[in-house]
Amino acid sequence: MSNKIRVAVSGMGCLSALGLDVESCMKNMVAGVRKLNPPQRFSTTHEIQYPVFEITDHFKKPESKPNQDLTLTAQMAIAAVYQALEDARMDKSSLEKKRVGVCMGTTVGSALNNDQFYIDFRDQKQPGMTPIKRFLKSNPAAAVAREFNLSGPVQTIVNGSFNKDFFPYSDKYL
């Protein structure tokens, strides 16, 4: 292709188990640090406590009222954008008069936060729709666009794969 599109990266943000900002993440990654710990965000009855990669809750939370009750994935996306803006020496208001789009990639995107809803639905109970409404509202790219009042295109690319062996009810329900 002869049409080359130039892109300038003016700011970066990162939240991971290695750190809550780009500098910490890079420093720990280069040093070969692995921050595996027993799970804190969820409990398990499994007799072996397998370690997981988790982040702490010490990151910038969404400011806008509609984004107060989002899944963790969407909250982290917003926090990373706040970091990127700070890194670029920009503020939130500088984006409002421009046509800015959001394109993000994710895997599950916190879908597993709604397990109880699906278990109850499967068991023919009448679960409330609150978890589903929260999940739909928590599309990461849409949440970022709402938080920063962005008016361009919004796209979340989900790249998850289904592992039949991981889902114990797959033969019964699929």
Protein backbone atom coordinates (compact mmCIF):
# COMPACT_ATOMS: atom_id res chain seq x y z
CA MET A 1 0.00 0.00 0.00
CA SER A 2 1.29 3.41 -0.85
CA ASN A 3 -1.09 5.34 1.43
CA LYS A 4 0.78 5.70 4.67
CA ILE A 5 -1.06 7.13 7.62
CA ARG A 6 1.05 8.82 10.23
CA VAL A 7 -0.02 8.52 13.85
CA ALA A 8 1.45 10.48 16.72
CA VAL A 9 1.33 8.99 20.20
CA SER A 10 1.26 11.98 22.50
CA GLY A 11 0.48 10.26 25.80
CA MET A 12 0.32 6.81 27.33
CA GLY A 13 -1.44 5.18 30.27
CA CYS A 14 -1.20 1.69 31.72
CA LEU A 15 -2.70 -0.27 34.59
CA SER A 16 -1.66 -3.84 35.25
CA ALA A 17 -0.59 -6.21 37.99
CA LEU A 18 2.94 -4.86 37.45
CA GLY A 19 1.98 -1.31 38.32
CA LEU A 20 -0.64 1.39 38.08
CA ASP A 21 1.22 3.59 35.59
CA VAL A 22 3.46 3.20 32.53
CA GLU A 23 6.68 3.84 34.46
CA SER A 24 5.99 1.16 37.10
CA CYS A 25 4.78 -1.37 34.55
CA MET A 26 7.83 -0.91 32.32
CA LYS A 27 10.29 -0.95 35.22
CA ASN A 28 8.83 -4.18 36.63
CA MET A 29 8.50 -5.81 33.21
CA VAL A 30 12.13 -5.10 32.28
CA ALA A 31 13.25 -6.36 35.72
CA GLY A 32 11.32 -9.61 35.18
CA VAL A 33 9.04 -8.98 38.14
CA ARG A 34 5.97 -11.19 38.40
CA LYS A 35 3.32 -10.09 40.86
CA LEU A 36 1.38 -13.28 41.44
CA ASN A 37 -0.71 -13.32 44.60
CA PRO A 38 -3.69 -15.20 46.00
CA PRO A 39 -6.92 -13.69 44.64
CA GLN A 40 -8.33 -10.74 46.57
CA ARG A 41 -11.22 -9.71 44.30
CA PHE A 42 -12.99 -13.05 44.41
CA SER A 43 -13.18 -16.08 46.64
CA THR A 44 -12.83 -19.65 45.62
CA THR A 45 -13.61 -22.95 47.28
CA HIS A 46 -10.85 -24.69 45.37
CA GLU A 47 -8.54 -26.46 47.80
CA ILE A 48 -5.47 -25.07 46.02
CA GLN A 49 -5.24 -21.28 46.07
CA TYR A 50 -3.78 -20.59 42.63
CA PRO A 51 -2.08 -17.21 42.31
CA VAL A 52 -3.48 -14.59 39.97
CA PHE A 53 -2.42 -11.27 38.47
CA GLU A 54 -4.60 -8.56 40.00
CA ILE A 55 -4.39 -4.81 40.29
CA THR A 56 -5.19 -2.80 43.38
CA ASP A 57 -8.05 -0.32 43.57
CA HIS A 58 -5.69 2.63 43.93
CA PHE A 59 -6.28 4.22 40.54
CA LYS A 60 -8.23 7.28 39.34
CA LYS A 61 -11.94 6.47 39.24
CA PRO A 62 -14.42 7.86 36.69
CA GLU A 63 -15.60 11.41 37.42
CA SER A 64 -18.82 11.56 35.43
CA LYS A 65 -22.04 10.52 37.17
CA PRO A 66 -23.12 8.00 34.46
CA ASN A 67 -19.78 6.19 34.86
CA GLN A 68 -19.86 5.72 38.64
CA ASP A 69 -21.11 2.11 38.53
CA LEU A 70 -19.04 0.47 35.80
CA THR A 71 -17.29 -2.86 35.63
CA LEU A 72 -13.63 -2.87 36.61
CA THR A 73 -12.54 -3.21 32.97
CA ALA A 74 -14.28 0.05 32.00
CA GLN A 75 -13.00 1.84 35.11
CA MET A 76 -9.43 0.81 34.27
CA ALA A 77 -9.85 1.97 30.66
CA ILE A 78 -10.94 5.40 31.87
CA ALA A 79 -8.05 5.55 34.35
CA ALA A 80 -5.57 4.72 31.57
CA VAL A 81 -6.98 7.54 29.43
CA TYR A 82 -6.63 10.00 32.32
CA GLN A 83 -2.99 8.92 32.59
CA ALA A 84 -2.45 9.31 28.85
CA LEU A 85 -3.92 12.81 28.93
CA GLU A 86 -1.67 13.76 31.84
CA ASP A 87 1.34 12.28 30.02
CA ALA A 88 0.42 14.33 26.94
CA ARG A 89 -0.03 17.43 29.12
CA MET A 90 -3.64 17.73 28.04
CA ASP A 91 -6.78 18.09 30.06
CA LYS A 92 -10.19 16.57 29.56
CA SER A 93 -11.73 19.78 28.25
CA SER A 94 -9.18 20.03 25.41
CA LEU A 95 -10.85 17.04 23.71
CA GLU A 96 -14.44 18.29 23.84
CA LYS A 97 -14.27 20.61 20.83
CA LYS A 98 -12.51 18.06 18.63
CA ARG A 99 -13.89 15.02 16.87
CA VAL A 100 -12.10 12.28 18.80
CA GLY A 101 -12.86 8.60 18.37
CA VAL A 102 -12.19 5.66 20.66
CA CYS A 103 -11.12 2.19 19.58
CA MET A 104 -10.20 -0.33 22.26
CA GLY A 105 -9.44 -4.02 22.36
CA THR A 106 -10.36 -6.39 25.18
CA THR A 107 -11.08 -10.03 25.83
CA VAL A 108 -13.84 -10.86 28.28
CA GLY A 109 -14.38 -7.26 29.36
CA SER A 110 -15.74 -8.22 32.80
CA ALA A 111 -18.43 -10.54 31.46
CA LEU A 112 -17.59 -12.98 34.25
CA ASN A 113 -18.86 -10.42 36.79
CA ASN A 114 -22.37 -11.51 35.82
CA ASP A 115 -22.02 -15.24 36.46
CA GLN A 116 -24.71 -15.31 39.16
CA PHE A 117 -27.22 -13.73 36.77
CA TYR A 118 -26.59 -16.42 34.17
CA ILE A 119 -26.65 -19.23 36.73
CA ASP A 120 -29.99 -17.97 38.06
CA PHE A 121 -31.35 -17.55 34.52
CA ARG A 122 -30.21 -21.06 33.59
CA ASP A 123 -31.91 -22.43 36.70
CA GLN A 124 -35.16 -20.72 35.60
CA LYS A 125 -35.12 -18.18 38.41
CA GLN A 126 -36.06 -14.56 37.73
CA PRO A 127 -32.83 -12.59 38.17
CA GLY A 128 -33.07 -8.81 38.04
CA MET A 129 -31.61 -7.03 35.02
CA THR A 130 -29.28 -4.74 37.00
CA PRO A 131 -26.12 -6.80 36.28
CA ILE A 132 -26.91 -6.90 32.56
CA LYS A 133 -27.62 -3.16 32.40
CA ARG A 134 -24.31 -2.53 34.20
CA PHE A 135 -22.48 -4.82 31.79
CA LEU A 136 -23.98 -3.14 28.72
CA LYS A 137 -23.20 0.32 30.12
CA SER A 138 -19.61 -0.83 30.74
CA ASN A 139 -18.54 -1.23 27.14
CA PRO A 140 -14.98 0.13 27.61
CA ALA A 141 -14.85 2.37 24.52
CA ALA A 142 -18.35 3.75 25.14
CA ALA A 143 -17.51 4.42 28.80
CA VAL A 144 -14.36 6.33 27.76
CA ALA A 145 -16.34 8.34 25.19
CA ARG A 146 -18.95 9.23 27.85
CA GLU A 147 -16.33 10.15 30.47
CA PHE A 148 -14.49 12.51 28.11
CA ASN A 149 -17.51 13.77 26.09
CA LEU A 150 -16.03 12.47 22.85
CA SER A 151 -17.98 12.78 19.61
CA GLY A 152 -16.07 10.58 17.15
CA PRO A 153 -16.56 6.92 16.26
CA VAL A 154 -16.59 4.43 19.15
CA GLN A 155 -15.55 0.79 18.75
CA THR A 156 -14.68 -1.99 21.19
CA ILE A 157 -12.99 -4.94 19.54
CA VAL A 158 -13.51 -8.12 21.51
CA ASN A 159 -10.97 -10.82 20.88
CA GLY A 160 -12.06 -13.61 23.14
CA SER A 161 -12.20 -17.24 22.29
CA PHE A 162 -14.47 -19.87 23.73
CA ASN A 163 -12.79 -22.83 25.34
CA LYS A 164 -15.34 -25.64 25.58
CA ASP A 165 -13.24 -27.43 28.21
CA PHE A 166 -13.30 -24.34 30.46
CA PHE A 167 -17.09 -24.08 30.47
CA PRO A 168 -18.43 -27.06 32.44
CA TYR A 169 -21.99 -26.82 31.07
CA SER A 170 -21.06 -26.58 27.41
CA ASP A 171 -22.39 -29.99 26.37
CA LYS A 172 -25.71 -29.39 28.09
CA TYR A 173 -26.35 -25.83 26.90
CA LEU A 174 -24.55 -25.44 23.58
